[in-house]
Amino acid sequence: YETNRAGMAQIVEGLNALNLEHIPSVGNFVTFRVGDGAGVNRRLLQQGVIVRPIANYGMPEWLRVTIGTEAENARFLEALAQALKG
């Protein structure tokens, strides 16, 4: 529980730093808007980072990431910053 709470705070802080909208969550994942969900997902995959695209739910601009360890979350946020650059 504590690991998830700390990870959630880390991810949300990182998304805020990247000026990305997110849906508040109390679970083990965060849904966030990136614009080109398919493109950002593809660029994340090229960096070895897996998130869940949710276009099938009518949200093509959004992705969902599961909370991980501190190191995994940091890696995700670094990769996301790169993927957003195109």
N, C-alpha and C. Protein backbone atom coordinates (compact mmCIF):
# COMPACT_ATOMS: atom_id res chain seq x y z
N TYR A 1 0.82 -1.18 0.00
CA TYR A 1 0.00 0.00 0.00
C TYR A 1 0.87 1.26 0.00
N GLU A 2 1.85 1.28 0.88
CA GLU A 2 2.73 2.46 0.96
C GLU A 2 3.54 2.64 -0.33
N THR A 3 4.00 1.54 -0.90
CA THR A 3 4.75 1.61 -2.16
C THR A 3 3.88 2.20 -3.25
N ASN A 4 2.61 1.76 -3.30
CA ASN A 4 1.68 2.28 -4.31
C ASN A 4 1.39 3.76 -4.08
N ARG A 5 1.18 4.15 -2.83
CA ARG A 5 0.91 5.57 -2.53
C ARG A 5 2.08 6.45 -2.94
N ALA A 6 3.29 6.01 -2.59
CA ALA A 6 4.48 6.79 -2.94
C ALA A 6 4.66 6.83 -4.45
N GLY A 7 4.42 5.69 -5.11
CA GLY A 7 4.54 5.64 -6.56
C GLY A 7 3.53 6.51 -7.26
N MET A 8 2.32 6.53 -6.74
CA MET A 8 1.27 7.38 -7.31
C MET A 8 1.69 8.85 -7.22
N ALA A 9 2.19 9.24 -6.07
CA ALA A 9 2.64 10.63 -5.90
C ALA A 9 3.77 10.95 -6.87
N GLN A 10 4.70 10.02 -7.04
CA GLN A 10 5.83 10.21 -7.95
C GLN A 10 5.34 10.38 -9.39
N ILE A 11 4.44 9.52 -9.83
CA ILE A 11 3.93 9.59 -11.20
C ILE A 11 3.14 10.87 -11.41
N VAL A 12 2.25 11.19 -10.49
CA VAL A 12 1.44 12.41 -10.64
C VAL A 12 2.32 13.65 -10.66
N GLU A 13 3.32 13.69 -9.81
CA GLU A 13 4.25 14.82 -9.82
C GLU A 13 4.95 14.94 -11.17
N GLY A 14 5.37 13.79 -11.70
CA GLY A 14 6.04 13.79 -13.01
C GLY A 14 5.11 14.22 -14.13
N LEU A 15 3.87 13.75 -14.10
CA LEU A 15 2.90 14.16 -15.12
C LEU A 15 2.62 15.66 -15.03
N ASN A 16 2.51 16.16 -13.81
CA ASN A 16 2.31 17.60 -13.63
C ASN A 16 3.49 18.39 -14.17
N ALA A 17 4.70 17.90 -13.93
CA ALA A 17 5.90 18.57 -14.43
C ALA A 17 5.93 18.61 -15.96
N LEU A 18 5.32 17.60 -16.58
CA LEU A 18 5.24 17.55 -18.04
C LEU A 18 3.98 18.25 -18.56
N ASN A 19 3.22 18.87 -17.65
CA ASN A 19 1.98 19.57 -18.00
C ASN A 19 0.97 18.67 -18.69
N LEU A 20 0.86 17.43 -18.19
CA LEU A 20 -0.09 16.48 -18.75
C LEU A 20 -1.29 16.32 -17.83
N GLU A 21 -2.46 16.39 -18.42
CA GLU A 21 -3.70 16.16 -17.68
C GLU A 21 -3.78 14.69 -17.29
N HIS A 22 -4.29 14.41 -16.11
CA HIS A 22 -4.49 13.03 -15.68
C HIS A 22 -5.80 12.91 -14.93
N ILE A 23 -6.31 11.70 -14.86
CA ILE A 23 -7.53 11.42 -14.13
C ILE A 23 -7.13 10.97 -12.73
N PRO A 24 -7.60 11.65 -11.69
CA PRO A 24 -7.26 11.23 -10.33
C PRO A 24 -7.62 9.76 -10.10
N SER A 25 -6.75 9.05 -9.39
CA SER A 25 -6.92 7.62 -9.19
C SER A 25 -6.56 7.23 -7.77
N VAL A 26 -7.25 6.24 -7.26
CA VAL A 26 -6.89 5.66 -5.96
C VAL A 26 -6.50 4.19 -6.14
N GLY A 27 -6.34 3.76 -7.39
CA GLY A 27 -5.96 2.39 -7.69
C GLY A 27 -4.46 2.26 -7.86
N ASN A 28 -4.06 1.33 -8.69
CA ASN A 28 -2.64 1.11 -8.94
C ASN A 28 -2.23 1.55 -10.35
N PHE A 29 -2.98 2.47 -10.92
CA PHE A 29 -2.66 2.98 -12.25
C PHE A 29 -3.12 4.43 -12.35
N VAL A 30 -2.57 5.12 -13.36
CA VAL A 30 -2.96 6.51 -13.65
C VAL A 30 -3.23 6.61 -15.14
N THR A 31 -4.32 7.28 -15.49
CA THR A 31 -4.68 7.54 -16.88
C THR A 31 -4.34 8.99 -17.18
N PHE A 32 -3.64 9.21 -18.30
CA PHE A 32 -3.15 10.56 -18.61
C PHE A 32 -3.27 10.84 -20.10
N ARG A 33 -3.44 12.11 -20.44
CA ARG A 33 -3.65 12.55 -21.83
C ARG A 33 -2.33 12.99 -22.45
N VAL A 34 -2.05 12.44 -23.62
CA VAL A 34 -0.81 12.80 -24.33
C VAL A 34 -1.05 13.38 -25.72
N GLY A 35 -2.29 13.40 -26.16
CA GLY A 35 -2.57 13.88 -27.52
C GLY A 35 -2.59 12.71 -28.49
N ASP A 36 -1.45 12.35 -29.02
CA ASP A 36 -1.33 11.23 -29.96
C ASP A 36 -1.02 9.95 -29.16
N GLY A 37 -2.06 9.34 -28.62
CA GLY A 37 -1.86 8.16 -27.78
C GLY A 37 -1.11 7.04 -28.49
N ALA A 38 -1.49 6.75 -29.74
CA ALA A 38 -0.85 5.67 -30.48
C ALA A 38 0.63 5.97 -30.74
N GLY A 39 0.91 7.20 -31.12
CA GLY A 39 2.30 7.58 -31.40
C GLY A 39 3.18 7.56 -30.17
N VAL A 40 2.68 8.11 -29.08
CA VAL A 40 3.46 8.12 -27.83
C VAL A 40 3.64 6.69 -27.34
N ASN A 41 2.60 5.87 -27.44
CA ASN A 41 2.73 4.47 -27.04
C ASN A 41 3.82 3.78 -27.85
N ARG A 42 3.83 3.99 -29.15
CA ARG A 42 4.83 3.38 -30.03
C ARG A 42 6.25 3.82 -29.64
N ARG A 43 6.41 5.11 -29.36
CA ARG A 43 7.74 5.61 -28.98
C ARG A 43 8.16 5.09 -27.61
N LEU A 44 7.21 4.90 -26.71
CA LEU A 44 7.53 4.30 -25.41
C LEU A 44 7.96 2.84 -25.60
N LEU A 45 7.24 2.11 -26.43
CA LEU A 45 7.60 0.71 -26.70
C LEU A 45 9.01 0.60 -27.28
N GLN A 46 9.36 1.54 -28.15
CA GLN A 46 10.70 1.54 -28.74
C GLN A 46 11.78 1.73 -27.67
N GLN A 47 11.39 2.32 -26.54
CA GLN A 47 12.33 2.51 -25.43
C GLN A 47 12.20 1.40 -24.39
N GLY A 48 11.37 0.40 -24.66
CA GLY A 48 11.20 -0.71 -23.75
C GLY A 48 10.24 -0.46 -22.60
N VAL A 49 9.39 0.56 -22.74
CA VAL A 49 8.43 0.91 -21.69
C VAL A 49 7.02 0.58 -22.19
N ILE A 50 6.30 -0.19 -21.40
CA ILE A 50 4.96 -0.65 -21.79
C ILE A 50 3.92 0.07 -20.96
N VAL A 51 2.98 0.72 -21.65
CA VAL A 51 1.80 1.32 -21.03
C VAL A 51 0.58 0.75 -21.76
N ARG A 52 -0.58 1.12 -21.31
CA ARG A 52 -1.79 0.61 -21.96
C ARG A 52 -2.51 1.72 -22.71
N PRO A 53 -2.60 1.59 -24.05
CA PRO A 53 -3.41 2.53 -24.81
C PRO A 53 -4.88 2.23 -24.52
N ILE A 54 -5.71 3.26 -24.46
CA ILE A 54 -7.12 3.03 -24.14
C ILE A 54 -8.04 3.61 -25.20
N ALA A 55 -7.57 3.61 -26.45
CA ALA A 55 -8.40 4.09 -27.56
C ALA A 55 -9.68 3.26 -27.69
N ASN A 56 -9.62 1.97 -27.33
CA ASN A 56 -10.81 1.11 -27.41
C ASN A 56 -11.91 1.57 -26.47
N TYR A 57 -11.59 2.40 -25.50
CA TYR A 57 -12.58 2.95 -24.58
C TYR A 57 -13.04 4.34 -25.04
N GLY A 58 -12.71 4.70 -26.26
CA GLY A 58 -13.10 6.00 -26.80
C GLY A 58 -12.20 7.13 -26.33
N MET A 59 -10.98 6.78 -25.92
CA MET A 59 -10.04 7.79 -25.40
C MET A 59 -8.70 7.68 -26.14
N PRO A 60 -8.67 8.00 -27.45
CA PRO A 60 -7.45 7.81 -28.23
C PRO A 60 -6.29 8.71 -27.83
N GLU A 61 -6.57 9.78 -27.09
CA GLU A 61 -5.50 10.70 -26.68
C GLU A 61 -4.90 10.31 -25.34
N TRP A 62 -5.39 9.24 -24.73
CA TRP A 62 -5.01 8.89 -23.37
C TRP A 62 -4.26 7.57 -23.31
N LEU A 63 -3.40 7.43 -22.32
CA LEU A 63 -2.69 6.19 -22.01
C LEU A 63 -2.86 5.92 -20.52
N ARG A 64 -2.61 4.67 -20.14
CA ARG A 64 -2.71 4.30 -18.73
C ARG A 64 -1.41 3.60 -18.33
N VAL A 65 -0.88 3.97 -17.19
CA VAL A 65 0.36 3.36 -16.69
C VAL A 65 0.09 2.78 -15.31
N THR A 66 0.65 1.62 -15.05
CA THR A 66 0.56 0.99 -13.74
C THR A 66 1.68 1.53 -12.87
N ILE A 67 1.36 1.77 -11.61
CA ILE A 67 2.36 2.24 -10.65
C ILE A 67 3.37 1.13 -10.41
N GLY A 68 4.64 1.49 -10.41
CA GLY A 68 5.70 0.52 -10.16
C GLY A 68 6.55 0.93 -8.98
N THR A 69 7.77 0.41 -8.96
CA THR A 69 8.72 0.80 -7.93
C THR A 69 9.22 2.21 -8.23
N GLU A 70 9.93 2.79 -7.31
CA GLU A 70 10.47 4.14 -7.52
C GLU A 70 11.34 4.18 -8.78
N ALA A 71 12.19 3.18 -8.97
CA ALA A 71 13.07 3.14 -10.14
C ALA A 71 12.27 2.95 -11.42
N GLU A 72 11.26 2.08 -11.40
CA GLU A 72 10.43 1.86 -12.59
C GLU A 72 9.66 3.13 -12.96
N ASN A 73 9.13 3.80 -11.96
CA ASN A 73 8.40 5.05 -12.22
C ASN A 73 9.31 6.12 -12.81
N ALA A 74 10.51 6.22 -12.28
CA ALA A 74 11.48 7.20 -12.80
C ALA A 74 11.82 6.88 -14.25
N ARG A 75 12.02 5.61 -14.55
CA ARG A 75 12.34 5.18 -15.92
C ARG A 75 11.18 5.53 -16.85
N PHE A 76 9.95 5.26 -16.40
CA PHE A 76 8.77 5.60 -17.20
C PHE A 76 8.72 7.10 -17.49
N LEU A 77 8.91 7.92 -16.47
CA LEU A 77 8.82 9.37 -16.65
C LEU A 77 9.90 9.89 -17.58
N GLU A 78 11.10 9.34 -17.49
CA GLU A 78 12.18 9.73 -18.42
C GLU A 78 11.81 9.35 -19.85
N ALA A 79 11.32 8.14 -20.03
CA ALA A 79 10.95 7.67 -21.36
C ALA A 79 9.77 8.49 -21.91
N LEU A 80 8.82 8.80 -21.06
CA LEU A 80 7.67 9.60 -21.49
C LEU A 80 8.10 10.97 -21.97
N ALA A 81 9.00 11.60 -21.24
CA ALA A 81 9.51 12.92 -21.66
C ALA A 81 10.12 12.83 -23.05
N GLN A 82 10.86 11.77 -23.31
CA GLN A 82 11.48 11.57 -24.64
C GLN A 82 10.40 11.31 -25.69
N ALA A 83 9.44 10.46 -25.36
CA ALA A 83 8.39 10.08 -26.32
C ALA A 83 7.53 11.27 -26.71
N LEU A 84 7.34 12.19 -25.80
CA LEU A 84 6.52 13.37 -26.10
C LEU A 84 7.19 14.31 -27.08
N LYS A 85 8.50 14.22 -27.18
CA LYS A 85 9.25 15.08 -28.12
C LYS A 85 9.04 14.66 -29.55
N GLY A 86 8.55 13.42 -29.72
CA GLY A 86 8.28 12.94 -31.08
C GLY A 86 9.44 12.25 -31.63
